[in-house]
């Protein structure tokens, strides 16, 4: 049972990692979440990567801009709510070392002892 659980978790991690796109500083990346769309870019600052994500939900609405500074290993999630009982539509912006990636959120890691 432990081996199959570990195999399932590693498969989920591999799928999540495969769906991420790396971006370069100031290069930008477009994304779509249900009816919302936007762009994300970053600059390198002394405090970390300054990430700017701008989203627009529908025509005529004011866009929303989110700014965050990420250190190595940190991530931010952009989320669009859905109907009760449905999963939210999300993308994750993650810094790993000198790389910034945009993709599906990584699954939560649950540590459990099966002893």
Protein backbone atom coordinates (compact mmCIF):
# COMPACT_ATOMS: atom_id res chain seq x y z
CA UNK A 1 0.00 0.00 0.00
CA UNK A 2 2.81 2.44 0.85
CA UNK A 3 4.52 1.83 -2.50
CA UNK A 4 1.34 2.47 -4.52
CA UNK A 5 0.66 5.66 -2.54
CA UNK A 6 4.16 6.95 -3.25
CA UNK A 7 3.82 6.03 -6.94
CA UNK A 8 0.51 7.90 -7.17
CA UNK A 9 1.95 11.01 -5.52
CA UNK A 10 5.04 11.03 -7.74
CA UNK A 11 2.82 10.67 -10.83
CA UNK A 12 0.73 13.66 -9.75
CA UNK A 13 3.87 15.72 -9.20
CA UNK A 14 5.26 14.77 -12.60
CA UNK A 15 2.01 15.69 -14.35
CA UNK A 16 1.88 19.06 -12.56
CA UNK A 17 5.50 19.81 -13.41
CA UNK A 18 5.00 18.85 -17.05
CA UNK A 19 2.19 21.38 -17.42
CA UNK A 20 4.25 24.37 -16.24
CA UNK A 21 5.86 26.87 -18.63
CA UNK A 22 9.06 28.66 -17.65
CA UNK A 23 9.29 32.34 -18.47
CA UNK A 24 12.22 34.76 -18.74
CA UNK A 25 12.41 38.17 -17.04
CA UNK A 26 10.20 40.73 -18.83
CA UNK A 27 9.20 38.12 -21.46
CA UNK A 28 5.66 37.67 -20.19
CA UNK A 29 3.23 34.77 -20.45
CA UNK A 30 -0.49 34.81 -21.29
CA UNK A 31 -2.95 32.60 -19.42
CA UNK A 32 -6.67 31.85 -19.38
CA UNK A 33 -8.84 30.83 -16.43
CA UNK A 34 -12.42 30.02 -17.39
CA UNK A 35 -13.83 33.41 -18.55
CA UNK A 36 -10.82 35.38 -17.24
CA UNK A 37 -7.55 35.91 -19.05
CA UNK A 38 -4.35 37.74 -18.30
CA UNK A 39 -0.61 38.11 -18.51
CA UNK A 40 2.23 37.59 -16.07
CA UNK A 41 5.81 38.87 -16.16
CA UNK A 42 8.59 39.43 -13.65
CA UNK A 43 11.71 41.46 -12.98
CA UNK A 44 14.69 40.57 -10.85
CA UNK A 45 14.97 42.82 -7.82
CA UNK A 46 17.28 42.81 -4.79
CA UNK A 47 14.45 41.34 -2.64
CA UNK A 48 13.54 38.59 -5.14
CA UNK A 49 11.51 38.17 -8.33
CA UNK A 50 8.88 40.94 -8.58
CA UNK A 51 5.94 39.16 -10.24
CA UNK A 52 3.15 41.18 -11.86
CA UNK A 53 -0.04 39.39 -12.94
CA UNK A 54 -2.87 41.29 -14.63
CA UNK A 55 -6.29 39.65 -15.14
CA UNK A 56 -9.44 40.81 -16.90
CA UNK A 57 -12.66 38.89 -16.26
CA UNK A 58 -14.87 40.30 -19.02
CA UNK A 59 -14.99 43.08 -21.55
CA UNK A 60 -15.56 46.49 -20.03
CA UNK A 61 -14.55 45.44 -16.50
CA UNK A 62 -11.53 47.02 -14.85
CA UNK A 63 -8.51 44.68 -14.86
CA UNK A 64 -7.06 43.37 -11.60
CA UNK A 65 -3.31 43.56 -11.01
CA UNK A 66 -1.55 41.43 -8.40
CA UNK A 67 2.07 42.17 -7.48
CA UNK A 68 4.16 39.87 -5.31
CA UNK A 69 7.87 39.41 -4.63
CA UNK A 70 8.87 35.73 -4.59
CA UNK A 71 11.96 34.28 -2.98
CA UNK A 72 13.36 30.90 -4.00
CA UNK A 73 10.81 28.16 -3.25
CA UNK A 74 7.81 30.49 -2.95
CA UNK A 75 4.65 30.45 -5.07
CA UNK A 76 1.48 32.43 -5.61
CA UNK A 77 -1.85 31.11 -6.88
CA UNK A 78 -4.40 32.95 -9.02
CA UNK A 79 -7.87 31.52 -8.61
CA UNK A 80 -11.30 32.01 -10.18
CA UNK A 81 -14.20 30.78 -7.99
CA UNK A 82 -16.77 28.42 -9.45
CA UNK A 83 -20.14 27.04 -8.43
CA UNK A 84 -20.52 25.30 -5.09
CA UNK A 85 -19.11 21.78 -5.28
CA UNK A 86 -16.89 22.49 -8.31
CA UNK A 87 -13.14 22.92 -8.18
CA UNK A 88 -11.85 26.48 -8.54
CA UNK A 89 -9.94 27.30 -11.73
CA UNK A 90 -6.34 28.06 -10.72
CA UNK A 91 -2.85 28.66 -12.01
CA UNK A 92 0.29 28.72 -9.93
CA UNK A 93 3.31 30.99 -10.39
CA UNK A 94 6.30 29.34 -8.72
CA UNK A 95 9.93 30.40 -8.28
CA UNK A 96 12.47 27.59 -8.13
CA UNK A 97 16.03 28.88 -8.01
CA UNK A 98 16.46 31.27 -10.92
CA UNK A 99 13.40 29.93 -12.78
CA UNK A 100 9.82 31.22 -12.72
CA UNK A 101 7.14 28.84 -13.99
CA UNK A 102 3.44 29.26 -14.69
CA UNK A 103 1.18 26.22 -14.63
CA UNK A 104 -1.29 24.12 -12.68
CA UNK A 105 -0.91 24.25 -8.89
CA UNK A 106 1.21 21.49 -7.43
CA UNK A 107 -0.82 18.99 -5.41
CA UNK A 108 -0.64 19.30 -1.66
CA UNK A 109 1.81 16.93 -0.04
CA UNK A 110 0.35 15.02 2.88
CA UNK A 111 2.75 13.26 5.19
CA UNK A 112 1.37 10.28 7.00
CA UNK A 113 2.88 7.42 8.86
CA UNK A 114 1.54 4.02 7.88
CA UNK A 115 3.27 2.19 10.72
